[in-house]
Every structure is written in structure tokens, then in C-alpha cells.
Amino acid sequence: MRKLFFVSLSIGLFFLSANIFAKNIDGNPFAYIELNSATEEKLLQHVKRIKDLVRSNSNYNQEIAFFIDMEVMSGKNRFFVYDLKNDVLLDQGLVAHGFGSRIKSDGNQKFSNENGSLCTSLGSYSIGNSYNGQYGKAYKLYGLDATNNKSFSRNIVLHKSTDVPYEEQNDQIGYSFGCPMVNEQYYQRIEKRIDDSKRSIILDIYY
């Protein structure tokens, strides 16, 4: 009887632990998202800033925000979906950056807000309405900072592409013309969040 009790207790603790560490990624509810300490610390700094931003403007979604850490190699997950209300990392995926922002042989990376630069622009964006373009359904992006306030005129949008792999890899992935470009499968998940939101979701791209 005692042995049966301890077996039941062990099973109960196992499932409790699984639920505690589950981060509820869409389609994989028991996956545990781990970030290295530097990536996590930087993400939380930007989360704090975005929380202040959305509190000051009722047009923005105060529960969900998207973050892209451009210092993370493009073959690794660096597009993060964050629950601002419960402080939980909900999802992550690969995202390509602009050809003009490719990492050079000396390790330097360029960011620009200028037309024709093909660069990624750092800063916070408000995700606007969707439209059908070259890559199908895409979302217009409105830059909120001096570093990205030309994004609309540059046609910088959030879109999907078959060129972006779904799984992480050790090599850099392909480039866009400056847009945040994600895998089709991952896009379906963030697309649902955008379409279900009654307020504009903030996308924050940082380095």
C-alpha cells in the first residue's frame, strides 16, 4: 500500500512539474522554451519598455507583443511572442532580416531607415491592416521611432516566405528586402494572434 502511494505521488509530481514548465507554444503545449541568460535579460528590458508604451496608448494591445532580437543568429529562433499580462514567453520562431543588414566578414551589421538600403530598421512598430501582396497575406508596419519612421514608405511589412525554414539550424538563413520575413507555419500562428486582436500589436526589433 505504501509502495502504491509513493508511485502515485511520483506520477502526480511529474505531471505537476510538466504543467509548471509548459510555456504553451501553439501546437506543442508541453514544449519548454529556454533562452540563454543574455537573450532573456535583453528581452525583459524591452518588454518593460513596451509595457510602458502600450499603457500610454489605448490603441495598442496591452496583453501581447512581438519581439525580434537581431543579435541572435538568423538560423536560431529570435522572433518572440510575449504575454505582457502574465509575463510568459508564448512562442518563438525564425525570422529573416534585410539583405542590407547581412553580417559582414568583420562581424559588423548595418541597420538603416533609408529607402533603397535593403536594411532592417530597429525600433518599435505598430502592426497595421493586412493586404495581399507578392507573398500573399502580409501586414503593414508603421514605425514609431526615428530609426524606423520611414517603414511605411519603404514598404516594410511583416510577411511569410517558403524560403524561411521552420526548424533551427547552425547556418544563417536567407534575406529579405528589409522586411521581417517568417516561415509559413510560424506565420499561421502569429497571423491568428494579429487577426484576433482588437487593438494594434506592437512589434519591437532591437539589437
N, C-alpha and C. Protein backbone atom coordinates (compact mmCIF):
# COMPACT_ATOMS: atom_id res chain seq x y z
N MET A 1 0.84 -1.20 0.00
CA MET A 1 0.00 0.00 0.00
C MET A 1 0.88 1.25 0.00
N ARG A 2 1.93 1.22 0.84
CA ARG A 2 2.84 2.36 0.90
C ARG A 2 3.55 2.55 -0.44
N LYS A 3 3.93 1.43 -1.07
CA LYS A 3 4.62 1.49 -2.36
C LYS A 3 3.70 2.12 -3.41
N LEU A 4 2.42 1.73 -3.39
CA LEU A 4 1.46 2.28 -4.34
C LEU A 4 1.29 3.77 -4.12
N PHE A 5 1.31 4.21 -2.86
CA PHE A 5 1.18 5.63 -2.53
C PHE A 5 2.32 6.45 -3.12
N PHE A 6 3.55 5.94 -2.94
CA PHE A 6 4.71 6.67 -3.45
C PHE A 6 4.74 6.70 -4.97
N VAL A 7 4.28 5.60 -5.61
CA VAL A 7 4.21 5.58 -7.07
C VAL A 7 3.22 6.63 -7.55
N SER A 8 2.06 6.71 -6.91
CA SER A 8 1.04 7.70 -7.28
C SER A 8 1.54 9.12 -7.05
N LEU A 9 2.26 9.31 -5.91
CA LEU A 9 2.81 10.63 -5.62
C LEU A 9 3.83 11.05 -6.66
N SER A 10 4.68 10.12 -7.07
CA SER A 10 5.71 10.42 -8.07
C SER A 10 5.08 10.80 -9.40
N ILE A 11 4.02 10.06 -9.79
CA ILE A 11 3.34 10.37 -11.05
C ILE A 11 2.70 11.75 -10.97
N GLY A 12 2.08 12.05 -9.81
CA GLY A 12 1.45 13.36 -9.62
C GLY A 12 2.45 14.48 -9.71
N LEU A 13 3.62 14.32 -9.09
CA LEU A 13 4.65 15.35 -9.13
C LEU A 13 5.19 15.54 -10.54
N PHE A 14 5.27 14.44 -11.29
CA PHE A 14 5.77 14.53 -12.67
C PHE A 14 4.85 15.41 -13.51
N PHE A 15 3.54 15.16 -13.43
CA PHE A 15 2.59 15.95 -14.22
C PHE A 15 2.50 17.38 -13.73
N LEU A 16 2.65 17.60 -12.43
CA LEU A 16 2.65 18.97 -11.90
C LEU A 16 3.84 19.72 -12.45
N SER A 17 5.00 19.06 -12.46
CA SER A 17 6.21 19.68 -12.99
C SER A 17 6.04 20.01 -14.46
N ALA A 18 5.45 19.08 -15.22
CA ALA A 18 5.25 19.31 -16.65
C ALA A 18 4.37 20.53 -16.89
N ASN A 19 3.35 20.69 -16.04
CA ASN A 19 2.45 21.84 -16.21
C ASN A 19 3.12 23.14 -15.82
N ILE A 20 3.97 23.11 -14.79
CA ILE A 20 4.67 24.32 -14.35
C ILE A 20 5.61 24.82 -15.44
N PHE A 21 6.32 23.90 -16.09
CA PHE A 21 7.32 24.31 -17.05
C PHE A 21 6.79 24.44 -18.46
N ALA A 22 5.54 24.03 -18.68
CA ALA A 22 4.96 24.19 -20.01
C ALA A 22 4.76 25.67 -20.30
N LYS A 23 5.18 26.11 -21.47
CA LYS A 23 5.01 27.50 -21.87
C LYS A 23 3.91 27.65 -22.91
N ASN A 24 3.24 26.53 -23.23
CA ASN A 24 2.06 26.55 -24.08
C ASN A 24 2.32 27.17 -25.45
N ILE A 25 3.32 26.65 -26.17
CA ILE A 25 3.53 27.04 -27.55
C ILE A 25 2.37 26.47 -28.35
N ASP A 26 1.79 27.26 -29.25
CA ASP A 26 0.69 26.76 -30.06
C ASP A 26 1.12 25.52 -30.82
N GLY A 27 0.32 24.48 -30.75
CA GLY A 27 0.63 23.25 -31.45
C GLY A 27 1.57 22.34 -30.70
N ASN A 28 2.16 22.79 -29.62
CA ASN A 28 3.09 21.98 -28.84
C ASN A 28 3.02 22.43 -27.39
N PRO A 29 1.89 22.15 -26.70
CA PRO A 29 1.62 22.77 -25.40
C PRO A 29 2.56 22.37 -24.29
N PHE A 30 3.36 21.33 -24.45
CA PHE A 30 4.26 20.93 -23.37
C PHE A 30 5.72 21.21 -23.69
N ALA A 31 5.94 22.04 -24.70
CA ALA A 31 7.32 22.42 -25.02
C ALA A 31 7.77 23.50 -24.03
N TYR A 32 9.00 23.41 -23.61
CA TYR A 32 9.55 24.37 -22.66
C TYR A 32 10.53 25.27 -23.39
N ILE A 33 10.24 26.55 -23.44
CA ILE A 33 11.10 27.50 -24.14
C ILE A 33 12.21 27.96 -23.20
N GLU A 34 13.42 27.74 -23.62
CA GLU A 34 14.57 28.19 -22.83
C GLU A 34 15.36 29.21 -23.64
N LEU A 35 15.76 30.27 -22.99
CA LEU A 35 16.62 31.28 -23.60
C LEU A 35 17.91 31.36 -22.80
N ASN A 36 19.01 31.69 -23.47
CA ASN A 36 20.22 31.91 -22.69
C ASN A 36 20.05 33.21 -21.89
N SER A 37 20.84 33.36 -20.86
CA SER A 37 20.63 34.45 -19.90
C SER A 37 20.73 35.82 -20.55
N ALA A 38 21.68 36.00 -21.48
CA ALA A 38 21.86 37.31 -22.12
C ALA A 38 20.65 37.66 -22.98
N THR A 39 20.15 36.69 -23.74
CA THR A 39 18.98 36.92 -24.59
C THR A 39 17.76 37.21 -23.75
N GLU A 40 17.59 36.46 -22.68
CA GLU A 40 16.45 36.65 -21.79
C GLU A 40 16.50 38.02 -21.11
N GLU A 41 17.67 38.41 -20.62
CA GLU A 41 17.81 39.70 -19.93
C GLU A 41 17.48 40.85 -20.87
N LYS A 42 17.98 40.76 -22.09
CA LYS A 42 17.72 41.83 -23.06
C LYS A 42 16.24 41.88 -23.44
N LEU A 43 15.63 40.70 -23.62
CA LEU A 43 14.21 40.65 -23.93
C LEU A 43 13.39 41.31 -22.84
N LEU A 44 13.69 41.01 -21.59
CA LEU A 44 12.92 41.57 -20.49
C LEU A 44 13.07 43.09 -20.38
N GLN A 45 14.24 43.60 -20.76
CA GLN A 45 14.43 45.06 -20.78
C GLN A 45 13.49 45.70 -21.80
N HIS A 46 13.36 45.07 -22.96
CA HIS A 46 12.48 45.61 -23.99
C HIS A 46 11.02 45.39 -23.65
N VAL A 47 10.72 44.29 -22.98
CA VAL A 47 9.35 44.05 -22.51
C VAL A 47 8.92 45.19 -21.60
N LYS A 48 9.79 45.58 -20.70
CA LYS A 48 9.46 46.67 -19.77
C LYS A 48 9.15 47.96 -20.53
N ARG A 49 9.95 48.26 -21.53
CA ARG A 49 9.75 49.48 -22.31
C ARG A 49 8.43 49.44 -23.09
N ILE A 50 8.13 48.27 -23.65
CA ILE A 50 6.90 48.14 -24.42
C ILE A 50 5.68 48.17 -23.52
N LYS A 51 5.79 47.64 -22.32
CA LYS A 51 4.69 47.74 -21.37
C LYS A 51 4.35 49.20 -21.10
N ASP A 52 5.38 50.02 -20.93
CA ASP A 52 5.16 51.46 -20.70
C ASP A 52 4.50 52.10 -21.91
N LEU A 53 4.93 51.68 -23.10
CA LEU A 53 4.38 52.24 -24.33
C LEU A 53 2.89 51.93 -24.49
N VAL A 54 2.52 50.67 -24.31
CA VAL A 54 1.12 50.29 -24.53
C VAL A 54 0.19 50.83 -23.44
N ARG A 55 0.74 51.03 -22.23
CA ARG A 55 -0.09 51.62 -21.16
C ARG A 55 -0.44 53.07 -21.48
N SER A 56 0.41 53.73 -22.23
CA SER A 56 0.22 55.15 -22.52
C SER A 56 -0.65 55.39 -23.75
N ASN A 57 -1.04 54.33 -24.45
CA ASN A 57 -1.82 54.49 -25.67
C ASN A 57 -2.85 53.36 -25.77
N SER A 58 -4.11 53.71 -25.67
CA SER A 58 -5.18 52.71 -25.66
C SER A 58 -5.39 52.03 -27.01
N ASN A 59 -4.71 52.53 -28.05
CA ASN A 59 -4.83 51.90 -29.37
C ASN A 59 -4.02 50.61 -29.48
N TYR A 60 -3.11 50.39 -28.51
CA TYR A 60 -2.23 49.24 -28.59
C TYR A 60 -2.70 48.10 -27.69
N ASN A 61 -2.44 46.88 -28.16
CA ASN A 61 -2.75 45.68 -27.39
C ASN A 61 -1.86 45.65 -26.14
N GLN A 62 -2.46 45.54 -24.97
CA GLN A 62 -1.72 45.55 -23.72
C GLN A 62 -1.43 44.16 -23.18
N GLU A 63 -1.80 43.14 -23.94
CA GLU A 63 -1.63 41.77 -23.47
C GLU A 63 -0.55 40.99 -24.22
N ILE A 64 -0.38 41.30 -25.51
CA ILE A 64 0.56 40.56 -26.36
C ILE A 64 1.46 41.54 -27.10
N ALA A 65 2.73 41.19 -27.24
CA ALA A 65 3.65 41.95 -28.08
C ALA A 65 4.63 40.99 -28.74
N PHE A 66 5.18 41.41 -29.87
CA PHE A 66 6.18 40.62 -30.60
C PHE A 66 7.55 41.30 -30.46
N PHE A 67 8.59 40.48 -30.37
CA PHE A 67 9.95 40.99 -30.22
C PHE A 67 10.89 40.23 -31.15
N ILE A 68 11.83 40.95 -31.77
CA ILE A 68 12.86 40.32 -32.59
C ILE A 68 14.22 40.80 -32.11
N ASP A 69 15.07 39.85 -31.73
CA ASP A 69 16.42 40.17 -31.26
C ASP A 69 17.39 39.95 -32.42
N MET A 70 17.83 41.04 -33.03
CA MET A 70 18.70 40.95 -34.20
C MET A 70 20.12 40.51 -33.88
N GLU A 71 20.45 40.45 -32.61
CA GLU A 71 21.80 39.98 -32.25
C GLU A 71 21.87 38.45 -32.30
N VAL A 72 20.72 37.79 -32.24
CA VAL A 72 20.67 36.33 -32.35
C VAL A 72 20.86 35.95 -33.81
N MET A 73 21.69 34.95 -34.06
CA MET A 73 21.95 34.49 -35.42
C MET A 73 20.65 34.05 -36.10
N SER A 74 20.49 34.38 -37.39
CA SER A 74 19.21 34.18 -38.06
C SER A 74 18.78 32.72 -38.17
N GLY A 75 19.70 31.80 -38.02
CA GLY A 75 19.34 30.38 -38.05
C GLY A 75 18.74 29.88 -36.74
N LYS A 76 18.71 30.75 -35.74
CA LYS A 76 18.15 30.40 -34.43
C LYS A 76 16.87 31.20 -34.17
N ASN A 77 16.02 30.65 -33.33
CA ASN A 77 14.77 31.33 -33.01
C ASN A 77 15.05 32.69 -32.37
N ARG A 78 14.44 33.73 -32.92
CA ARG A 78 14.68 35.08 -32.40
C ARG A 78 13.46 35.98 -32.55
N PHE A 79 12.37 35.43 -33.07
CA PHE A 79 11.09 36.14 -33.12
C PHE A 79 10.26 35.61 -31.96
N PHE A 80 10.01 36.46 -30.97
CA PHE A 80 9.36 36.03 -29.73
C PHE A 80 7.96 36.63 -29.59
N VAL A 81 7.03 35.80 -29.17
CA VAL A 81 5.67 36.25 -28.82
C VAL A 81 5.59 36.25 -27.30
N TYR A 82 5.31 37.41 -26.74
CA TYR A 82 5.37 37.55 -25.28
C TYR A 82 4.02 37.99 -24.71
N ASP A 83 3.61 37.33 -23.64
CA ASP A 83 2.39 37.66 -22.90
C ASP A 83 2.74 38.75 -21.89
N LEU A 84 2.36 39.99 -22.19
CA LEU A 84 2.70 41.12 -21.33
C LEU A 84 1.96 41.07 -20.00
N LYS A 85 0.80 40.45 -19.99
CA LYS A 85 -0.04 40.43 -18.80
C LYS A 85 0.46 39.42 -17.78
N ASN A 86 0.86 38.24 -18.25
CA ASN A 86 1.28 37.16 -17.35
C ASN A 86 2.78 36.92 -17.34
N ASP A 87 3.53 37.74 -18.11
CA ASP A 87 4.99 37.59 -18.20
C ASP A 87 5.40 36.17 -18.54
N VAL A 88 4.89 35.72 -19.69
CA VAL A 88 5.19 34.38 -20.18
C VAL A 88 5.60 34.47 -21.64
N LEU A 89 6.65 33.76 -21.99
CA LEU A 89 7.06 33.66 -23.39
C LEU A 89 6.20 32.58 -24.05
N LEU A 90 5.38 32.98 -25.00
CA LEU A 90 4.38 32.08 -25.57
C LEU A 90 4.88 31.29 -26.77
N ASP A 91 5.72 31.90 -27.57
CA ASP A 91 6.11 31.25 -28.83
C ASP A 91 7.40 31.88 -29.34
N GLN A 92 8.06 31.17 -30.26
CA GLN A 92 9.27 31.69 -30.87
C GLN A 92 9.48 31.03 -32.22
N GLY A 93 10.18 31.72 -33.11
CA GLY A 93 10.42 31.18 -34.44
C GLY A 93 11.55 31.91 -35.14
N LEU A 94 11.88 31.42 -36.33
CA LEU A 94 12.92 32.04 -37.14
C LEU A 94 12.36 33.25 -37.88
N VAL A 95 13.21 34.22 -38.13
CA VAL A 95 12.82 35.38 -38.93
C VAL A 95 14.04 35.88 -39.70
N ALA A 96 13.84 36.15 -40.99
CA ALA A 96 14.91 36.69 -41.82
C ALA A 96 14.98 38.20 -41.70
N HIS A 97 16.17 38.76 -41.95
CA HIS A 97 16.32 40.21 -41.94
C HIS A 97 16.76 40.70 -43.32
N GLY A 98 16.89 42.01 -43.45
CA GLY A 98 17.20 42.61 -44.73
C GLY A 98 18.58 42.25 -45.26
N PHE A 99 18.67 42.13 -46.59
CA PHE A 99 19.95 41.83 -47.24
C PHE A 99 21.00 42.88 -46.91
N GLY A 100 20.57 44.14 -46.77
CA GLY A 100 21.50 45.21 -46.44
C GLY A 100 22.04 45.11 -45.03
N SER A 101 21.39 44.30 -44.20
CA SER A 101 21.83 44.12 -42.81
C SER A 101 22.54 42.79 -42.60
N ARG A 102 22.98 42.17 -43.69
CA ARG A 102 23.71 40.91 -43.54
C ARG A 102 25.01 41.16 -42.75
N ILE A 103 25.40 40.17 -41.99
CA ILE A 103 26.60 40.30 -41.18
C ILE A 103 27.84 40.23 -42.07
N LYS A 104 28.71 41.21 -41.95
CA LYS A 104 29.91 41.26 -42.78
C LYS A 104 31.02 40.40 -42.19
N SER A 105 32.08 40.26 -42.93
CA SER A 105 33.19 39.40 -42.51
C SER A 105 33.83 39.86 -41.21
N ASP A 106 33.72 41.16 -40.93
CA ASP A 106 34.30 41.68 -39.69
C ASP A 106 33.32 41.57 -38.51
N GLY A 107 32.15 40.99 -38.77
CA GLY A 107 31.17 40.79 -37.71
C GLY A 107 30.20 41.93 -37.53
N ASN A 108 30.43 43.04 -38.24
CA ASN A 108 29.55 44.19 -38.11
C ASN A 108 28.25 44.00 -38.87
N GLN A 109 27.21 44.65 -38.39
CA GLN A 109 25.90 44.56 -39.01
C GLN A 109 25.31 45.96 -39.12
N LYS A 110 24.78 46.30 -40.28
CA LYS A 110 24.27 47.65 -40.54
C LYS A 110 22.75 47.66 -40.48
N PHE A 111 22.20 48.71 -39.87
CA PHE A 111 20.77 48.93 -39.84
C PHE A 111 20.50 50.32 -40.40
N SER A 112 19.39 50.45 -41.15
CA SER A 112 19.13 51.73 -41.78
C SER A 112 17.63 51.95 -41.94
N ASN A 113 17.27 53.23 -42.00
CA ASN A 113 15.88 53.64 -42.20
C ASN A 113 15.68 54.24 -43.59
N GLU A 114 16.71 54.16 -44.42
CA GLU A 114 16.69 54.84 -45.71
C GLU A 114 16.16 53.96 -46.84
N ASN A 115 15.46 54.61 -47.77
CA ASN A 115 14.96 53.91 -48.96
C ASN A 115 16.12 53.35 -49.77
N GLY A 116 15.92 52.17 -50.28
CA GLY A 116 16.94 51.54 -51.11
C GLY A 116 18.06 50.86 -50.36
N SER A 117 18.07 50.95 -49.04
CA SER A 117 19.16 50.36 -48.26
C SER A 117 19.03 48.85 -48.12
N LEU A 118 17.83 48.33 -48.29
CA LEU A 118 17.52 46.90 -48.09
C LEU A 118 17.87 46.44 -46.68
N CYS A 119 17.93 47.39 -45.76
CA CYS A 119 18.30 47.08 -44.38
C CYS A 119 17.08 46.91 -43.49
N THR A 120 17.28 46.17 -42.43
CA THR A 120 16.31 46.13 -41.34
C THR A 120 16.43 47.43 -40.56
N SER A 121 15.30 47.95 -40.11
CA SER A 121 15.29 49.15 -39.27
C SER A 121 14.95 48.75 -37.84
N LEU A 122 15.75 49.19 -36.91
CA LEU A 122 15.49 48.91 -35.50
C LEU A 122 14.40 49.85 -34.98
N GLY A 123 13.70 49.42 -33.94
CA GLY A 123 12.69 50.26 -33.32
C GLY A 123 11.37 49.53 -33.14
N SER A 124 10.39 50.24 -32.60
CA SER A 124 9.07 49.68 -32.36
C SER A 124 8.15 49.99 -33.53
N TYR A 125 7.32 49.02 -33.87
CA TYR A 125 6.36 49.16 -34.95
C TYR A 125 4.96 48.86 -34.45
N SER A 126 3.99 49.53 -35.02
CA SER A 126 2.59 49.17 -34.83
C SER A 126 2.18 48.33 -36.03
N ILE A 127 1.65 47.14 -35.77
CA ILE A 127 1.23 46.26 -36.86
C ILE A 127 -0.14 46.71 -37.36
N GLY A 128 -0.21 47.05 -38.64
CA GLY A 128 -1.44 47.58 -39.22
C GLY A 128 -2.28 46.53 -39.91
N ASN A 129 -3.09 46.98 -40.86
CA ASN A 129 -4.00 46.09 -41.57
C ASN A 129 -3.27 45.16 -42.52
N SER A 130 -3.91 44.07 -42.85
CA SER A 130 -3.34 43.11 -43.80
C SER A 130 -3.73 43.48 -45.22
N TYR A 131 -2.98 42.95 -46.17
CA TYR A 131 -3.29 43.12 -47.59
C TYR A 131 -2.68 41.94 -48.32
N ASN A 132 -3.05 41.75 -49.56
CA ASN A 132 -2.48 40.66 -50.36
C ASN A 132 -1.42 41.22 -51.30
N GLY A 133 -0.19 40.72 -51.10
CA GLY A 133 0.93 41.20 -51.89
C GLY A 133 1.68 40.07 -52.57
N GLN A 134 2.93 40.31 -52.86
CA GLN A 134 3.77 39.35 -53.56
C GLN A 134 3.85 38.01 -52.84
N TYR A 135 3.84 38.05 -51.51
CA TYR A 135 3.97 36.83 -50.72
C TYR A 135 2.63 36.40 -50.11
N GLY A 136 1.54 36.88 -50.69
CA GLY A 136 0.23 36.56 -50.13
C GLY A 136 -0.13 37.56 -49.05
N LYS A 137 -0.83 37.09 -48.05
CA LYS A 137 -1.28 37.98 -46.99
C LYS A 137 -0.09 38.51 -46.19
N ALA A 138 -0.04 39.81 -46.00
CA ALA A 138 1.03 40.46 -45.25
C ALA A 138 0.43 41.60 -44.44
N TYR A 139 1.22 42.10 -43.49
CA TYR A 139 0.74 43.16 -42.60
C TYR A 139 1.60 44.41 -42.75
N LYS A 140 0.96 45.55 -42.93
CA LYS A 140 1.68 46.82 -43.00
C LYS A 140 2.27 47.15 -41.63
N LEU A 141 3.43 47.77 -41.64
CA LEU A 141 4.12 48.13 -40.41
C LEU A 141 4.32 49.65 -40.37
N TYR A 142 4.02 50.23 -39.20
CA TYR A 142 4.17 51.67 -39.02
C TYR A 142 5.25 51.92 -37.96
N GLY A 143 6.37 52.48 -38.38
CA GLY A 143 7.46 52.75 -37.46
C GLY A 143 7.12 53.85 -36.48
N LEU A 144 7.44 53.63 -35.22
CA LEU A 144 7.10 54.59 -34.16
C LEU A 144 8.30 55.37 -33.66
N ASP A 145 9.48 55.09 -34.20
CA ASP A 145 10.71 55.74 -33.74
C ASP A 145 11.42 56.43 -34.90
N ALA A 146 12.36 57.29 -34.56
CA ALA A 146 13.13 57.99 -35.60
C ALA A 146 13.96 57.01 -36.44
N THR A 147 14.24 55.85 -35.89
CA THR A 147 15.06 54.86 -36.58
C THR A 147 14.27 54.00 -37.56
N ASN A 148 12.93 54.10 -37.53
CA ASN A 148 12.13 53.27 -38.44
C ASN A 148 10.88 53.98 -38.97
N ASN A 149 10.85 55.31 -38.86
CA ASN A 149 9.63 56.04 -39.23
C ASN A 149 9.39 56.13 -40.73
N LYS A 150 10.29 55.57 -41.54
CA LYS A 150 10.08 55.52 -42.99
C LYS A 150 9.62 54.14 -43.45
N SER A 151 9.29 53.27 -42.50
CA SER A 151 8.97 51.88 -42.84
C SER A 151 7.78 51.77 -43.79
N PHE A 152 6.77 52.61 -43.60
CA PHE A 152 5.59 52.53 -44.47
C PHE A 152 5.95 52.92 -45.90
N SER A 153 6.68 54.01 -46.06
CA SER A 153 7.06 54.45 -47.42
C SER A 153 8.06 53.49 -48.06
N ARG A 154 8.81 52.75 -47.22
CA ARG A 154 9.77 51.76 -47.74
C ARG A 154 9.09 50.43 -48.05
N ASN A 155 7.80 50.33 -47.77
CA ASN A 155 7.05 49.08 -47.96
C ASN A 155 7.61 47.95 -47.10
N ILE A 156 8.01 48.29 -45.88
CA ILE A 156 8.45 47.27 -44.93
C ILE A 156 7.21 46.66 -44.28
N VAL A 157 7.05 45.36 -44.45
CA VAL A 157 5.85 44.68 -43.96
C VAL A 157 6.25 43.37 -43.28
N LEU A 158 5.33 42.82 -42.53
CA LEU A 158 5.52 41.50 -41.92
C LEU A 158 4.90 40.48 -42.85
N HIS A 159 5.72 39.57 -43.36
CA HIS A 159 5.18 38.59 -44.31
C HIS A 159 5.86 37.23 -44.16
N LYS A 160 5.31 36.25 -44.85
CA LYS A 160 5.82 34.88 -44.82
C LYS A 160 6.58 34.58 -46.10
N SER A 161 7.33 33.49 -46.08
CA SER A 161 8.03 33.05 -47.28
C SER A 161 8.43 31.59 -47.14
N THR A 162 8.35 30.86 -48.25
CA THR A 162 8.79 29.45 -48.26
C THR A 162 10.31 29.36 -48.13
N ASP A 163 11.00 30.49 -48.31
CA ASP A 163 12.47 30.49 -48.21
C ASP A 163 12.95 30.41 -46.76
N VAL A 164 12.06 30.67 -45.81
CA VAL A 164 12.46 30.64 -44.40
C VAL A 164 12.15 29.26 -43.82
N PRO A 165 13.14 28.54 -43.32
CA PRO A 165 12.90 27.21 -42.74
C PRO A 165 12.13 27.30 -41.44
N TYR A 166 11.56 26.19 -41.04
CA TYR A 166 10.81 26.16 -39.78
C TYR A 166 11.70 25.80 -38.60
N GLU A 167 12.61 24.85 -38.81
CA GLU A 167 13.46 24.37 -37.73
C GLU A 167 14.74 25.21 -37.63
N GLU A 168 15.27 25.29 -36.41
CA GLU A 168 16.54 25.98 -36.20
C GLU A 168 17.66 25.25 -36.92
N GLN A 169 18.70 25.98 -37.28
CA GLN A 169 19.87 25.40 -37.92
C GLN A 169 21.10 26.19 -37.52
N ASN A 170 22.25 25.67 -37.89
CA ASN A 170 23.51 26.29 -37.47
C ASN A 170 24.02 27.34 -38.45
N ASP A 171 23.38 27.47 -39.60
CA ASP A 171 23.80 28.45 -40.59
C ASP A 171 22.80 29.59 -40.68
N GLN A 172 23.26 30.72 -41.24
CA GLN A 172 22.36 31.84 -41.50
C GLN A 172 21.30 31.42 -42.52
N ILE A 173 20.09 31.97 -42.39
CA ILE A 173 19.07 31.71 -43.39
C ILE A 173 19.09 32.84 -44.42
N GLY A 174 18.18 32.80 -45.40
CA GLY A 174 18.16 33.80 -46.46
C GLY A 174 17.76 35.18 -45.98
N TYR A 175 17.73 36.13 -46.91
CA TYR A 175 17.48 37.52 -46.58
C TYR A 175 16.21 38.04 -47.25
N SER A 176 15.67 39.10 -46.68
CA SER A 176 14.54 39.81 -47.28
C SER A 176 15.05 41.13 -47.85
N PHE A 177 14.12 41.99 -48.28
CA PHE A 177 14.49 43.33 -48.76
C PHE A 177 14.40 44.36 -47.64
N GLY A 178 14.40 43.87 -46.40
CA GLY A 178 14.31 44.76 -45.24
C GLY A 178 13.16 44.40 -44.32
N CYS A 179 12.29 43.51 -44.80
CA CYS A 179 11.10 43.13 -44.03
C CYS A 179 11.42 42.00 -43.04
N PRO A 180 10.70 41.95 -41.91
CA PRO A 180 10.73 40.75 -41.07
C PRO A 180 9.93 39.65 -41.80
N MET A 181 10.63 38.60 -42.18
CA MET A 181 10.05 37.55 -43.02
C MET A 181 10.16 36.21 -42.29
N VAL A 182 9.01 35.53 -42.11
CA VAL A 182 8.98 34.32 -41.30
C VAL A 182 8.50 33.12 -42.10
N ASN A 183 8.68 31.95 -41.51
CA ASN A 183 8.22 30.70 -42.10
C ASN A 183 6.69 30.66 -42.18
N GLU A 184 6.16 29.97 -43.17
CA GLU A 184 4.71 29.92 -43.36
C GLU A 184 3.97 29.29 -42.18
N GLN A 185 4.54 28.22 -41.63
CA GLN A 185 3.88 27.55 -40.50
C GLN A 185 3.86 28.44 -39.27
N TYR A 186 4.97 29.11 -39.01
CA TYR A 186 5.03 30.02 -37.87
C TYR A 186 4.11 31.22 -38.12
N TYR A 187 4.06 31.67 -39.35
CA TYR A 187 3.22 32.81 -39.72
C TYR A 187 1.75 32.54 -39.39
N GLN A 188 1.31 31.32 -39.61
CA GLN A 188 -0.09 30.98 -39.31
C GLN A 188 -0.42 31.23 -37.85
N ARG A 189 0.54 30.99 -36.98
CA ARG A 189 0.29 31.17 -35.55
C ARG A 189 0.24 32.65 -35.17
N ILE A 190 1.19 33.43 -35.68
CA ILE A 190 1.18 34.85 -35.33
C ILE A 190 0.06 35.59 -36.07
N GLU A 191 -0.28 35.10 -37.26
CA GLU A 191 -1.38 35.69 -38.02
C GLU A 191 -2.68 35.61 -37.23
N LYS A 192 -2.92 34.48 -36.60
CA LYS A 192 -4.14 34.31 -35.81
C LYS A 192 -4.18 35.31 -34.65
N ARG A 193 -3.03 35.49 -34.01
CA ARG A 193 -2.97 36.44 -32.89
C ARG A 193 -3.26 37.87 -33.37
N ILE A 194 -2.71 38.23 -34.52
CA ILE A 194 -2.92 39.58 -35.05
C ILE A 194 -4.39 39.79 -35.42
N ASP A 195 -4.95 38.81 -36.13
CA ASP A 195 -6.33 38.96 -36.60
C ASP A 195 -7.34 38.93 -35.44
N ASP A 196 -7.01 38.20 -34.38
CA ASP A 196 -7.92 38.11 -33.24
C ASP A 196 -7.84 39.33 -32.32
N SER A 197 -6.79 40.13 -32.49
CA SER A 197 -6.59 41.28 -31.62
C SER A 197 -7.45 42.46 -32.06
N LYS A 198 -8.13 43.09 -31.11
CA LYS A 198 -8.96 44.25 -31.41
C LYS A 198 -8.13 45.54 -31.43
N ARG A 199 -6.90 45.46 -30.93
CA ARG A 199 -6.02 46.61 -30.92
C ARG A 199 -4.71 46.26 -31.62
N SER A 200 -3.99 47.26 -32.05
CA SER A 200 -2.74 47.03 -32.77
C SER A 200 -1.69 46.39 -31.87
N ILE A 201 -1.05 45.36 -32.37
CA ILE A 201 0.03 44.69 -31.64
C ILE A 201 1.34 45.39 -31.97
N ILE A 202 2.17 45.55 -30.95
CA ILE A 202 3.49 46.17 -31.14
C ILE A 202 4.52 45.10 -31.49
N LEU A 203 5.33 45.39 -32.51
CA LEU A 203 6.49 44.58 -32.86
C LEU A 203 7.72 45.41 -32.56
N ASP A 204 8.62 44.88 -31.72
CA ASP A 204 9.81 45.62 -31.34
C ASP A 204 11.03 44.88 -31.88
N ILE A 205 11.81 45.56 -32.73
CA ILE A 205 13.03 44.98 -33.30
C ILE A 205 14.22 45.70 -32.68
N TYR A 206 15.12 44.93 -32.09
CA TYR A 206 16.24 45.54 -31.37
C TYR A 206 17.52 44.74 -31.60
N TYR A 207 18.62 45.35 -31.15
CA TYR A 207 19.93 44.71 -31.32
C TYR A 207 20.71 44.84 -30.01
